[in-house]
PDB file of N, CA and C in Angstrom:
ATOM      1  N   MET A   1     186.026   9.388 -25.012  1.00  0.00           N
ATOM      2  CA  MET A   1     186.051   9.526 -23.568  1.00  0.00           C
ATOM      3  C   MET A   1     186.408  10.950 -23.136  1.00  0.00           C
ATOM      4  N   SER A   2     187.345  11.568 -23.831  1.00  0.00           N
ATOM      5  CA  SER A   2     187.758  12.912 -23.419  1.00  0.00           C
ATOM      6  C   SER A   2     186.624  13.915 -23.570  1.00  0.00           C
ATOM      7  N   VAL A   3     185.732  13.704 -24.536  1.00  0.00           N
ATOM      8  CA  VAL A   3     184.584  14.598 -24.713  1.00  0.00           C
ATOM      9  C   VAL A   3     183.674  14.512 -23.492  1.00  0.00           C
ATOM     10  N   ILE A   4     183.449  13.307 -22.988  1.00  0.00           N
ATOM     11  CA  ILE A   4     182.621  13.117 -21.798  1.00  0.00           C
ATOM     12  C   ILE A   4     183.279  13.763 -20.585  1.00  0.00           C
ATOM     13  N   GLU A   5     184.590  13.569 -20.438  1.00  0.00           N
ATOM     14  CA  GLU A   5     185.305  14.187 -19.315  1.00  0.00           C
ATOM     15  C   GLU A   5     185.257  15.703 -19.404  1.00  0.00           C
ATOM     16  N   ASP A   6     185.437  16.247 -20.613  1.00  0.00           N
ATOM     17  CA  ASP A   6     185.389  17.699 -20.800  1.00  0.00           C
ATOM     18  C   ASP A   6     184.011  18.238 -20.436  1.00  0.00           C
ATOM     19  N   LYS A   7     182.955  17.532 -20.821  1.00  0.00           N
ATOM     20  CA  LYS A   7     181.591  17.954 -20.511  1.00  0.00           C
ATOM     21  C   LYS A   7     181.358  17.922 -19.004  1.00  0.00           C
ATOM     22  N   SER A   8     181.875  16.878 -18.356  1.00  0.00           N
ATOM     23  CA  SER A   8     181.745  16.760 -16.903  1.00  0.00           C
ATOM     24  C   SER A   8     182.451  17.918 -16.204  1.00  0.00           C
ATOM     25  N   ASP A   9     183.643  18.260 -16.677  1.00  0.00           N
ATOM     26  CA  ASP A   9     184.379  19.394 -16.105  1.00  0.00           C
ATOM     27  C   ASP A   9     183.617  20.696 -16.303  1.00  0.00           C
ATOM     28  N   LEU A  10     183.025  20.867 -17.465  1.00  0.00           N
ATOM     29  CA  LEU A  10     182.252  22.078 -17.765  1.00  0.00           C
ATOM     30  C   LEU A  10     181.049  22.186 -16.834  1.00  0.00           C
ATOM     31  N   ILE A  11     180.336  21.090 -16.649  1.00  0.00           N
ATOM     32  CA  ILE A  11     179.173  21.086 -15.755  1.00  0.00           C
ATOM     33  C   ILE A  11     179.592  21.426 -14.331  1.00  0.00           C
ATOM     34  N   ALA A  12     180.698  20.844 -13.877  1.00  0.00           N
ATOM     35  CA  ALA A  12     181.202  21.137 -12.532  1.00  0.00           C
ATOM     36  C   ALA A  12     181.583  22.609 -12.411  1.00  0.00           C
ATOM     37  N   ASP A  13     182.226  23.149 -13.446  1.00  0.00           N
ATOM     38  CA  ASP A  13     182.620  24.564 -13.435  1.00  0.00           C
ATOM     39  C   ASP A  13     181.400  25.478 -13.365  1.00  0.00           C
ATOM     40  N   VAL A  14     180.361  25.142 -14.124  1.00  0.00           N
ATOM     41  CA  VAL A  14     179.129  25.943 -14.113  1.00  0.00           C
ATOM     42  C   VAL A  14     178.493  25.884 -12.731  1.00  0.00           C
ATOM     43  N   GLY A  15     178.452  24.694 -12.134  1.00  0.00           N
ATOM     44  CA  GLY A  15     177.888  24.545 -10.795  1.00  0.00           C
ATOM     45  C   GLY A  15     178.646  25.372  -9.765  1.00  0.00           C
ATOM     46  N   ARG A  16     179.976  25.344  -9.842  1.00  0.00           N
ATOM     47  CA  ARG A  16     180.786  26.157  -8.916  1.00  0.00           C
ATOM     48  C   ARG A  16     180.510  27.630  -9.125  1.00  0.00           C
ATOM     49  N   ARG A  17     180.399  28.028 -10.372  1.00  0.00           N
ATOM     50  CA  ARG A  17     180.146  29.443 -10.685  1.00  0.00           C
ATOM     51  C   ARG A  17     178.784  29.884 -10.135  1.00  0.00           C
ATOM     52  N   GLU A  18     177.780  29.018 -10.271  1.00  0.00           N
ATOM     53  CA  GLU A  18     176.460  29.340  -9.738  1.00  0.00           C
ATOM     54  C   GLU A  18     176.501  29.493  -8.222  1.00  0.00           C
ATOM     55  N   ARG A  19     177.231  28.606  -7.548  1.00  0.00           N
ATOM     56  CA  ARG A  19     177.328  28.695  -6.086  1.00  0.00           C
ATOM     57  C   ARG A  19     178.083  29.951  -5.659  1.00  0.00           C
ATOM     58  N   LEU A  20     179.118  30.310  -6.409  1.00  0.00           N
ATOM     59  CA  LEU A  20     179.847  31.542  -6.092  1.00  0.00           C
ATOM     60  C   LEU A  20     178.973  32.768  -6.320  1.00  0.00           C
ATOM     61  N   ASP A  21     178.163  32.740  -7.364  1.00  0.00           N
ATOM     62  CA  ASP A  21     177.234  33.851  -7.612  1.00  0.00           C
ATOM     63  C   ASP A  21     176.234  33.986  -6.460  1.00  0.00           C
ATOM     64  N   LEU A  22     175.743  32.842  -5.955  1.00  0.00           N
ATOM     65  CA  LEU A  22     174.824  32.871  -4.815  1.00  0.00           C
ATOM     66  C   LEU A  22     175.512  33.422  -3.574  1.00  0.00           C
ATOM     67  N   LEU A  23     176.764  33.015  -3.368  1.00  0.00           N
ATOM     68  CA  LEU A  23     177.506  33.538  -2.216  1.00  0.00           C
ATOM     69  C   LEU A  23     177.670  35.047  -2.334  1.00  0.00           C
ATOM     70  N   ALA A  24     178.010  35.515  -3.515  1.00  0.00           N
ATOM     71  CA  ALA A  24     178.163  36.961  -3.724  1.00  0.00           C
ATOM     72  C   ALA A  24     176.851  37.690  -3.453  1.00  0.00           C
ATOM     73  N   GLU A  25     175.744  37.100  -3.890  1.00  0.00           N
ATOM     74  CA  GLU A  25     174.431  37.707  -3.649  1.00  0.00           C
ATOM     75  C   GLU A  25     174.119  37.758  -2.155  1.00  0.00           C
ATOM     76  N   ALA A  26     174.409  36.657  -1.454  1.00  0.00           N
ATOM     77  CA  ALA A  26     174.166  36.604  -0.007  1.00  0.00           C
ATOM     78  C   ALA A  26     175.011  37.656   0.712  1.00  0.00           C
ATOM     79  N   ILE A  27     176.273  37.757   0.344  1.00  0.00           N
ATOM     80  CA  ILE A  27     177.177  38.723   0.976  1.00  0.00           C
ATOM     81  C   ILE A  27     176.716  40.152   0.700  1.00  0.00           C
ATOM     82  N   SER A  28     176.207  40.396  -0.499  1.00  0.00           N
ATOM     83  CA  SER A  28     175.774  41.757  -0.845  1.00  0.00           C
ATOM     84  C   SER A  28     174.598  42.220   0.007  1.00  0.00           C
ATOM     85  N   GLU A  29     173.843  41.291   0.572  1.00  0.00           N
ATOM     86  CA  GLU A  29     172.697  41.642   1.416  1.00  0.00           C
ATOM     87  C   GLU A  29     173.090  41.994   2.850  1.00  0.00           C
ATOM     88  N   LEU A  30     174.321  41.711   3.234  1.00  0.00           N
ATOM     89  CA  LEU A  30     174.752  41.979   4.606  1.00  0.00           C
ATOM     90  C   LEU A  30     174.869  43.480   4.857  1.00  0.00           C
ATOM     91  N   PRO A  31     174.668  43.898   6.114  1.00  0.00           N
ATOM     92  CA  PRO A  31     174.953  45.299   6.455  1.00  0.00           C
ATOM     93  C   PRO A  31     176.423  45.609   6.144  1.00  0.00           C
ATOM     94  N   THR A  32     176.711  46.838   5.833  1.00  0.00           N
ATOM     95  CA  THR A  32     178.034  47.247   5.359  1.00  0.00           C
ATOM     96  C   THR A  32     179.177  46.750   6.243  1.00  0.00           C
ATOM     97  N   ARG A  33     179.123  47.031   7.531  1.00  0.00           N
ATOM     98  CA  ARG A  33     180.240  46.657   8.411  1.00  0.00           C
ATOM     99  C   ARG A  33     180.377  45.135   8.516  1.00  0.00           C
ATOM    100  N   CYS A  34     179.271  44.455   8.616  1.00  0.00           N
ATOM    101  CA  CYS A  34     179.257  43.001   8.687  1.00  0.00           C
ATOM    102  C   CYS A  34     179.862  42.415   7.403  1.00  0.00           C
ATOM    103  N   ARG A  35     179.497  42.977   6.267  1.00  0.00           N
ATOM    104  CA  ARG A  35     180.028  42.535   4.972  1.00  0.00           C
ATOM    105  C   ARG A  35     181.538  42.754   4.909  1.00  0.00           C
ATOM    106  N   GLU A  36     182.003  43.919   5.362  1.00  0.00           N
ATOM    107  CA  GLU A  36     183.437  44.216   5.345  1.00  0.00           C
ATOM    108  C   GLU A  36     184.207  43.190   6.177  1.00  0.00           C
ATOM    109  N   VAL A  37     183.707  42.929   7.372  1.00  0.00           N
ATOM    110  CA  VAL A  37     184.373  41.976   8.264  1.00  0.00           C
ATOM    111  C   VAL A  37     184.405  40.598   7.626  1.00  0.00           C
ATOM    112  N   PHE A  38     183.279  40.149   7.103  1.00  0.00           N
ATOM    113  CA  PHE A  38     183.189  38.819   6.500  1.00  0.00           C
ATOM    114  C   PHE A  38     184.152  38.674   5.328  1.00  0.00           C
ATOM    115  N   ILE A  39     184.216  39.682   4.484  1.00  0.00           N
ATOM    116  CA  ILE A  39     185.107  39.622   3.320  1.00  0.00           C
ATOM    117  C   ILE A  39     186.567  39.569   3.749  1.00  0.00           C
ATOM    118  N   VAL A  40     186.941  40.420   4.681  1.00  0.00           N
ATOM    119  CA  VAL A  40     188.341  40.438   5.119  1.00  0.00           C
ATOM    120  C   VAL A  40     188.714  39.141   5.829  1.00  0.00           C
ATOM    121  N   TYR A  41     187.872  38.717   6.751  1.00  0.00           N
ATOM    122  CA  TYR A  41     188.208  37.569   7.599  1.00  0.00           C
ATOM    123  C   TYR A  41     187.982  36.230   6.907  1.00  0.00           C
ATOM    124  N   LYS A  42     186.830  36.030   6.303  1.00  0.00           N
ATOM    125  CA  LYS A  42     186.500  34.721   5.733  1.00  0.00           C
ATOM    126  C   LYS A  42     186.882  34.580   4.262  1.00  0.00           C
ATOM    127  N   ILE A  43     186.666  35.603   3.477  1.00  0.00           N
ATOM    128  CA  ILE A  43     186.927  35.491   2.042  1.00  0.00           C
ATOM    129  C   ILE A  43     188.411  35.694   1.740  1.00  0.00           C
ATOM    130  N   ARG A  44     188.991  36.749   2.295  1.00  0.00           N
ATOM    131  CA  ARG A  44     190.423  36.996   2.043  1.00  0.00           C
ATOM    132  C   ARG A  44     191.322  36.156   2.931  1.00  0.00           C
ATOM    133  N   GLY A  45     190.778  35.600   4.000  1.00  0.00           N
ATOM    134  CA  GLY A  45     191.546  34.703   4.851  1.00  0.00           C
ATOM    135  C   GLY A  45     192.517  35.384   5.803  1.00  0.00           C
ATOM    136  N   VAL A  46     192.264  36.642   6.100  1.00  0.00           N
ATOM    137  CA  VAL A  46     193.099  37.375   7.057  1.00  0.00           C
ATOM    138  C   VAL A  46     192.796  36.830   8.455  1.00  0.00           C
ATOM    139  N   SER A  47     193.789  36.700   9.288  1.00  0.00           N
ATOM    140  CA  SER A  47     193.549  36.198  10.640  1.00  0.00           C
ATOM    141  C   SER A  47     192.603  37.129  11.393  1.00  0.00           C
ATOM    142  N   ARG A  48     191.957  36.584  12.421  1.00  0.00           N
ATOM    143  CA  ARG A  48     191.011  37.401  13.192  1.00  0.00           C
ATOM    144  C   ARG A  48     191.727  38.599  13.804  1.00  0.00           C
ATOM    145  N   LYS A  49     192.913  38.379  14.340  1.00  0.00           N
ATOM    146  CA  LYS A  49     193.667  39.470  14.967  1.00  0.00           C
ATOM    147  C   LYS A  49     194.027  40.547  13.943  1.00  0.00           C
ATOM    148  N   ALA A  50     194.500  40.114  12.773  1.00  0.00           N
ATOM    149  CA  ALA A  50     194.870  41.074  11.723  1.00  0.00           C
ATOM    150  C   ALA A  50     193.637  41.781  11.163  1.00  0.00           C
ATOM    151  N   ALA A  51     192.539  41.040  11.005  1.00  0.00           N
ATOM    152  CA  ALA A  51     191.297  41.655  10.514  1.00  0.00           C
ATOM    153  C   ALA A  51     190.816  42.714  11.502  1.00  0.00           C
ATOM    154  N   ALA A  52     190.878  42.389  12.788  1.00  0.00           N
ATOM    155  CA  ALA A  52     190.464  43.347  13.817  1.00  0.00           C
ATOM    156  C   ALA A  52     191.314  44.615  13.747  1.00  0.00           C
ATOM    157  N   ALA A  53     192.623  44.446  13.612  1.00  0.00           N
ATOM    158  CA  ALA A  53     193.520  45.604  13.535  1.00  0.00           C
ATOM    159  C   ALA A  53     193.248  46.414  12.261  1.00  0.00           C
ATOM    160  N   GLN A  54     193.086  45.725  11.145  1.00  0.00           N
ATOM    161  CA  GLN A  54     192.848  46.401   9.868  1.00  0.00           C
ATOM    162  C   GLN A  54     191.546  47.184   9.880  1.00  0.00           C
ATOM    163  N   LEU A  55     190.510  46.608  10.498  1.00  0.00           N
ATOM    164  CA  LEU A  55     189.194  47.250  10.508  1.00  0.00           C
ATOM    165  C   LEU A  55     188.960  48.118  11.746  1.00  0.00           C
ATOM    166  N   ARG A  56     189.969  48.165  12.625  1.00  0.00           N
ATOM    167  CA  ARG A  56     189.902  48.938  13.867  1.00  0.00           C
ATOM    168  C   ARG A  56     188.722  48.500  14.744  1.00  0.00           C
ATOM    169  N   LEU A  57     188.651  47.160  14.925  1.00  0.00           N
ATOM    170  CA  LEU A  57     187.617  46.546  15.750  1.00  0.00           C
ATOM    171  C   LEU A  57     188.299  45.618  16.753  1.00  0.00           C
ATOM    172  N   SER A  58     187.542  45.199  17.738  1.00  0.00           N
ATOM    173  CA  SER A  58     188.074  44.175  18.640  1.00  0.00           C
ATOM    174  C   SER A  58     187.946  42.818  17.954  1.00  0.00           C
ATOM    175  N   GLU A  59     188.731  41.857  18.413  1.00  0.00           N
ATOM    176  CA  GLU A  59     188.631  40.503  17.864  1.00  0.00           C
ATOM    177  C   GLU A  59     187.243  39.927  18.130  1.00  0.00           C
ATOM    178  N   LYS A  60     186.674  40.247  19.273  1.00  0.00           N
ATOM    179  CA  LYS A  60     185.328  39.774  19.610  1.00  0.00           C
ATOM    180  C   LYS A  60     184.303  40.319  18.616  1.00  0.00           C
ATOM    181  N   THR A  61     184.440  41.573  18.213  1.00  0.00           N
ATOM    182  CA  THR A  61     183.518  42.165  17.246  1.00  0.00           C
ATOM    183  C   THR A  61     183.649  41.472  15.892  1.00  0.00           C
ATOM    184  N   VAL A  62     184.869  41.130  15.506  1.00  0.00           N
ATOM    185  CA  VAL A  62     185.081  40.376  14.266  1.00  0.00           C
ATOM    186  C   VAL A  62     184.359  39.038  14.361  1.00  0.00           C
ATOM    187  N   GLU A  63     184.480  38.392  15.501  1.00  0.00           N
ATOM    188  CA  GLU A  63     183.820  37.108  15.724  1.00  0.00           C
ATOM    189  C   GLU A  63     182.293  37.239  15.636  1.00  0.00           C
ATOM    190  N   VAL A  64     181.752  38.265  16.254  1.00  0.00           N
ATOM    191  CA  VAL A  64     180.298  38.477  16.260  1.00  0.00           C
ATOM    192  C   VAL A  64     179.783  38.755  14.851  1.00  0.00           C
ATOM    193  N   HIS A  65     180.453  39.654  14.121  1.00  0.00           N
ATOM    194  CA  HIS A  65     180.037  39.968  12.749  1.00  0.00           C
ATOM    195  C   HIS A  65     180.142  38.733  11.851  1.00  0.00           C
ATOM    196  N   THR A  66     181.188  37.952  12.034  1.00  0.00           N
ATOM    197  CA  THR A  66     181.374  36.752  11.224  1.00  0.00           C
ATOM    198  C   THR A  66     180.267  35.737  11.486  1.00  0.00           C
ATOM    199  N   ALA A  67     179.934  35.527  12.743  1.00  0.00           N
ATOM    200  CA  ALA A  67     178.852  34.592  13.088  1.00  0.00           C
ATOM    201  C   ALA A  67     177.530  35.073  12.497  1.00  0.00           C
ATOM    202  N   ARG A  68     177.274  36.355  12.582  1.00  0.00           N
ATOM    203  CA  ARG A  68     176.042  36.926  12.017  1.00  0.00           C
ATOM    204  C   ARG A  68     176.012  36.722  10.497  1.00  0.00           C
ATOM    205  N   ALA A  69     177.136  36.956   9.840  1.00  0.00           N
ATOM    206  CA  ALA A  69     177.212  36.780   8.387  1.00  0.00           C
ATOM    207  C   ALA A  69     177.003  35.319   7.996  1.00  0.00           C
ATOM    208  N   MET A  70     177.591  34.410   8.753  1.00  0.00           N
ATOM    209  CA  MET A  70     177.437  32.982   8.462  1.00  0.00           C
ATOM    210  C   MET A  70     175.976  32.555   8.607  1.00  0.00           C
ATOM    211  N   ARG A  71     175.322  33.021   9.658  1.00  0.00           N
ATOM    212  CA  ARG A  71     173.898  32.687   9.844  1.00  0.00           C
ATOM    213  C   ARG A  71     173.063  33.226   8.683  1.00  0.00           C
ATOM    214  N   HIS A  72     173.367  34.447   8.273  1.00  0.00           N
ATOM    215  CA  HIS A  72     172.647  35.046   7.153  1.00  0.00           C
ATOM    216  C   HIS A  72     172.852  34.224   5.877  1.00  0.00           C
ATOM    217  N   CYS A  73     174.094  33.861   5.589  1.00  0.00           N
ATOM    218  CA  CYS A  73     174.386  33.097   4.374  1.00  0.00           C
ATOM    219  C   CYS A  73     173.704  31.730   4.405  1.00  0.00           C
ATOM    220  N   GLU A  74     173.726  31.074   5.542  1.00  0.00           N
ATOM    221  CA  GLU A  74     173.062  29.773   5.665  1.00  0.00           C
ATOM    222  C   GLU A  74     171.561  29.907   5.405  1.00  0.00           C
ATOM    223  N   ALA A  75     170.937  30.928   5.972  1.00  0.00           N
ATOM    224  CA  ALA A  75     169.500  31.153   5.759  1.00  0.00           C
ATOM    225  C   ALA A  75     169.226  31.487   4.292  1.00  0.00           C
ATOM    226  N   PHE A  76     170.079  32.281   3.704  1.00  0.00           N
ATOM    227  CA  PHE A  76     169.947  32.651   2.294  1.00  0.00           C
ATOM    228  C   PHE A  76     169.976  31.403   1.420  1.00  0.00           C
ATOM    229  N   PHE A  77     170.954  30.521   1.661  1.00  0.00           N
ATOM    230  CA  PHE A  77     171.075  29.302   0.859  1.00  0.00           C
ATOM    231  C   PHE A  77     169.876  28.386   1.054  1.00  0.00           C
ATOM    232  N   ARG A  78     169.374  28.294   2.281  1.00  0.00           N
ATOM    233  CA  ARG A  78     168.173  27.473   2.524  1.00  0.00           C
ATOM    234  C   ARG A  78     166.986  28.013   1.725  1.00  0.00           C
ATOM    235  N   ARG A  79     166.823  29.345   1.719  1.00  0.00           N
ATOM    236  CA  ARG A  79     165.722  29.948   0.958  1.00  0.00           C
ATOM    237  C   ARG A  79     165.849  29.653  -0.534  1.00  0.00           C
ATOM    238  N   LYS A  80     167.069  29.550  -1.011  1.00  0.00           N
ATOM    239  CA  LYS A  80     167.322  29.280  -2.430  1.00  0.00           C
ATOM    240  C   LYS A  80     167.326  27.781  -2.739  1.00  0.00           C
ATOM    241  N   GLY A  81     167.171  26.944  -1.712  1.00  0.00           N
ATOM    242  CA  GLY A  81     167.148  25.500  -1.921  1.00  0.00           C
ATOM    243  C   GLY A  81     168.510  24.873  -2.078  1.00  0.00           C
ATOM    244  N   VAL A  82     169.547  25.577  -1.627  1.00  0.00           N
ATOM    245  CA  VAL A  82     170.911  25.058  -1.731  1.00  0.00           C
ATOM    246  C   VAL A  82     171.233  24.299  -0.459  1.00  0.00           C
ATOM    247  N   LYS A  83     171.649  23.040  -0.620  1.00  0.00           N
ATOM    248  CA  LYS A  83     171.962  22.196   0.538  1.00  0.00           C
ATOM    249  C   LYS A  83     173.310  22.552   1.144  1.00  0.00           C
ATOM    250  N   GLY A  84     174.273  22.834   0.323  1.00  0.00           N
ATOM    251  CA  GLY A  84     175.602  23.175   0.807  1.00  0.00           C
ATOM    252  C   GLY A  84     176.333  23.971  -0.247  1.00  0.00           C
ATOM    253  N   LEU A  85     177.015  24.974   0.150  1.00  0.00           N
ATOM    254  CA  LEU A  85     177.652  25.881  -0.797  1.00  0.00           C
ATOM    255  C   LEU A  85     178.627  25.170  -1.718  1.00  0.00           C
ATOM    256  N   PHE A  86     179.426  24.264  -1.190  1.00  0.00           N
ATOM    257  CA  PHE A  86     180.460  23.644  -2.009  1.00  0.00           C
ATOM    258  C   PHE A  86     180.150  22.185  -2.338  1.00  0.00           C
ATOM    259  N   ASP A  87     178.936  21.717  -2.037  1.00  0.00           N
ATOM    260  CA  ASP A  87     178.542  20.368  -2.416  1.00  0.00           C
ATOM    261  C   ASP A  87     178.314  20.311  -3.911  1.00  0.00           C
ATOM    262  N   HIS A  88     178.687  19.223  -4.512  1.00  0.00           N
ATOM    263  CA  HIS A  88     178.456  19.066  -5.949  1.00  0.00           C
ATOM    264  C   HIS A  88     176.979  18.843  -6.241  1.00  0.00           C
ATOM    265  N   GLU A  89     176.256  18.297  -5.292  1.00  0.00           N
ATOM    266  CA  GLU A  89     174.815  18.065  -5.441  1.00  0.00           C
ATOM    267  C   GLU A  89     174.056  19.121  -4.650  1.00  0.00           C
ATOM    268  N   SER A  90     174.286  20.390  -4.958  1.00  0.00           N
ATOM    269  CA  SER A  90     173.744  21.467  -4.129  1.00  0.00           C
ATOM    270  C   SER A  90     172.289  21.776  -4.407  1.00  0.00           C
ATOM    271  N   ARG A  91     171.736  21.366  -5.488  1.00  0.00           N
ATOM    272  CA  ARG A  91     170.335  21.671  -5.791  1.00  0.00           C
ATOM    273  C   ARG A  91     169.555  20.422  -6.014  1.00  0.00           C
TER     274      ARG A  91
END
């Protein structure tokens, strides 16, 4: 039984790694400033106010760049046939 469980864990780990690789690819396609905002705010989890201060932008600009990045990532995943970034049945 443990061999089956270990194999299942390995498959899940590979799937997560593939989805993270796709996310990294999608993020790399973003314009520089949009990518910076997305990484600070969404990936690193910095608050919108702190991200705005760190990047010397308004909170509204952080919001706009984040929305643009999210739309781009969603379109990227659709083109790649991914249903959901963190779904176990993503392909």
